[in-house]
Amino acid sequence: MNKRIAIGPALAADDITLLAAEAASFLKALSHKGRLMMQCHLSAGEKSVNPLEDLLGARQAAVSSPSPTCAARGRSRRGAMAR
């Protein structure tokens, strides 16, 4: 869902449906506490896995796994997490 829609005074029903689906996908990606915390830390800049492990108090597998989940939903900045 990479279609960009200009928000204006009147949206077609299909556009509203598309926007709602994108918003729901974004919120689902952030609904997990660990993924939300990771995105907050990554919003401050690029970090490698080891510093993220320390910040989140999580193991490498837990830190590496959510990144593709968020990236697949288009919400993780490209290259935000160096491996």
C-alpha atoms as a PDB file:
ATOM      1  CA  MET A   1       0.000   0.000   0.000  1.00  0.00           C
ATOM      2  CA  ASN A   2       2.373   2.657  -1.209  1.00  0.00           C
ATOM      3  CA  LYS A   3      -0.272   4.769  -2.941  1.00  0.00           C
ATOM      4  CA  ARG A   4      -0.123   8.344  -1.681  1.00  0.00           C
ATOM      5  CA  ILE A   5      -3.437  10.100  -1.248  1.00  0.00           C
ATOM      6  CA  ALA A   6      -3.789  13.846  -0.955  1.00  0.00           C
ATOM      7  CA  ILE A   7      -5.970  14.610   2.034  1.00  0.00           C
ATOM      8  CA  GLY A   8      -8.541  17.141   0.930  1.00  0.00           C
ATOM      9  CA  PRO A   9     -12.050  18.291   1.679  1.00  0.00           C
ATOM     10  CA  ALA A  10     -13.664  15.247   0.088  1.00  0.00           C
ATOM     11  CA  LEU A  11     -12.220  11.750  -0.020  1.00  0.00           C
ATOM     12  CA  ALA A  12     -13.687   8.899  -1.985  1.00  0.00           C
ATOM     13  CA  ALA A  13     -14.863   5.890   0.000  1.00  0.00           C
ATOM     14  CA  ASP A  14     -12.079   3.778  -1.526  1.00  0.00           C
ATOM     15  CA  ASP A  15      -9.473   6.315  -0.377  1.00  0.00           C
ATOM     16  CA  ILE A  16     -10.887   6.323   3.150  1.00  0.00           C
ATOM     17  CA  THR A  17     -10.793   2.533   3.186  1.00  0.00           C
ATOM     18  CA  LEU A  18      -7.164   2.555   2.028  1.00  0.00           C
ATOM     19  CA  LEU A  19      -6.152   5.142   4.638  1.00  0.00           C
ATOM     20  CA  ALA A  20      -7.938   3.219   7.384  1.00  0.00           C
ATOM     21  CA  ALA A  21      -6.171  -0.006   6.378  1.00  0.00           C
ATOM     22  CA  GLU A  22      -2.769   1.737   6.428  1.00  0.00           C
ATOM     23  CA  ALA A  23      -3.482   3.292   9.826  1.00  0.00           C
ATOM     24  CA  ALA A  24      -4.619  -0.055  11.242  1.00  0.00           C
ATOM     25  CA  SER A  25      -1.472  -1.758   9.941  1.00  0.00           C
ATOM     26  CA  PHE A  26       0.721   0.945  11.474  1.00  0.00           C
ATOM     27  CA  LEU A  27      -1.034   0.722  14.842  1.00  0.00           C
ATOM     28  CA  LYS A  28      -0.827  -3.078  14.802  1.00  0.00           C
ATOM     29  CA  ALA A  29       2.939  -2.879  14.229  1.00  0.00           C
ATOM     30  CA  LEU A  30       3.293  -0.571  17.224  1.00  0.00           C
ATOM     31  CA  SER A  31       0.812  -2.390  19.456  1.00  0.00           C
ATOM     32  CA  HIS A  32       3.587  -4.559  20.892  1.00  0.00           C
ATOM     33  CA  LYS A  33       5.449  -2.828  23.730  1.00  0.00           C
ATOM     34  CA  GLY A  34       8.879  -4.012  22.536  1.00  0.00           C
ATOM     35  CA  ARG A  35       8.334  -2.856  18.941  1.00  0.00           C
ATOM     36  CA  LEU A  36       7.025   0.496  20.139  1.00  0.00           C
ATOM     37  CA  MET A  37      10.045   0.991  22.409  1.00  0.00           C
ATOM     38  CA  MET A  38      12.379  -0.010  19.569  1.00  0.00           C
ATOM     39  CA  GLN A  39      10.799   2.488  17.180  1.00  0.00           C
ATOM     40  CA  CYS A  40      11.092   5.218  19.824  1.00  0.00           C
ATOM     41  CA  HIS A  41      14.805   4.496  20.237  1.00  0.00           C
ATOM     42  CA  LEU A  42      15.341   4.317  16.460  1.00  0.00           C
ATOM     43  CA  SER A  43      13.556   7.625  15.935  1.00  0.00           C
ATOM     44  CA  ALA A  44      16.549   9.283  17.633  1.00  0.00           C
ATOM     45  CA  GLY A  45      18.900   7.800  15.016  1.00  0.00           C
ATOM     46  CA  GLU A  46      20.519   4.672  13.653  1.00  0.00           C
ATOM     47  CA  LYS A  47      21.537   2.040  16.189  1.00  0.00           C
ATOM     48  CA  SER A  48      23.143  -1.366  15.910  1.00  0.00           C
ATOM     49  CA  VAL A  49      21.618  -4.451  17.502  1.00  0.00           C
ATOM     50  CA  ASN A  50      23.918  -4.511  20.563  1.00  0.00           C
ATOM     51  CA  PRO A  51      23.010  -1.014  21.830  1.00  0.00           C
ATOM     52  CA  LEU A  52      19.334  -1.797  21.206  1.00  0.00           C
ATOM     53  CA  GLU A  53      19.689  -4.982  23.252  1.00  0.00           C
ATOM     54  CA  ASP A  54      21.043  -2.904  26.127  1.00  0.00           C
ATOM     55  CA  LEU A  55      18.384  -0.192  25.820  1.00  0.00           C
ATOM     56  CA  LEU A  56      15.513  -2.672  25.630  1.00  0.00           C
ATOM     57  CA  GLY A  57      16.895  -5.284  28.005  1.00  0.00           C
ATOM     58  CA  ALA A  58      16.199  -7.874  25.333  1.00  0.00           C
ATOM     59  CA  ARG A  59      18.132 -10.629  23.596  1.00  0.00           C
ATOM     60  CA  GLN A  60      19.431 -10.300  20.033  1.00  0.00           C
ATOM     61  CA  ALA A  61      16.664 -12.457  18.556  1.00  0.00           C
ATOM     62  CA  ALA A  62      13.977 -10.276  20.105  1.00  0.00           C
ATOM     63  CA  VAL A  63      15.650  -7.121  18.812  1.00  0.00           C
ATOM     64  CA  SER A  64      16.276  -8.424  15.277  1.00  0.00           C
ATOM     65  CA  SER A  65      12.871 -10.037  14.698  1.00  0.00           C
ATOM     66  CA  PRO A  66      10.580  -6.976  14.992  1.00  0.00           C
ATOM     67  CA  SER A  67      12.598  -4.902  12.543  1.00  0.00           C
ATOM     68  CA  PRO A  68      11.422  -6.796   9.430  1.00  0.00           C
ATOM     69  CA  THR A  69       7.881  -6.703  10.802  1.00  0.00           C
ATOM     70  CA  CYS A  70       7.911  -2.923  11.030  1.00  0.00           C
ATOM     71  CA  ALA A  71       9.844  -2.493   7.796  1.00  0.00           C
ATOM     72  CA  ALA A  72       7.331  -4.662   5.954  1.00  0.00           C
ATOM     73  CA  ARG A  73       4.657  -2.266   7.094  1.00  0.00           C
ATOM     74  CA  GLY A  74       6.731   0.634   5.779  1.00  0.00           C
ATOM     75  CA  ARG A  75       7.256   2.293   9.138  1.00  0.00           C
ATOM     76  CA  SER A  76      10.886   1.564   9.881  1.00  0.00           C
ATOM     77  CA  ARG A  77      13.386   3.921   8.265  1.00  0.00           C
ATOM     78  CA  ARG A  78      15.614   2.154   5.757  1.00  0.00           C
ATOM     79  CA  GLY A  79      18.955   1.404   7.357  1.00  0.00           C
ATOM     80  CA  ALA A  80      17.759   2.492  10.788  1.00  0.00           C
ATOM     81  CA  MET A  81      19.133  -0.650  12.355  1.00  0.00           C
ATOM     82  CA  ALA A  82      22.601  -1.765  11.389  1.00  0.00           C
ATOM     83  CA  ARG A  83      23.290  -5.454  11.901  1.00  0.00           C
END
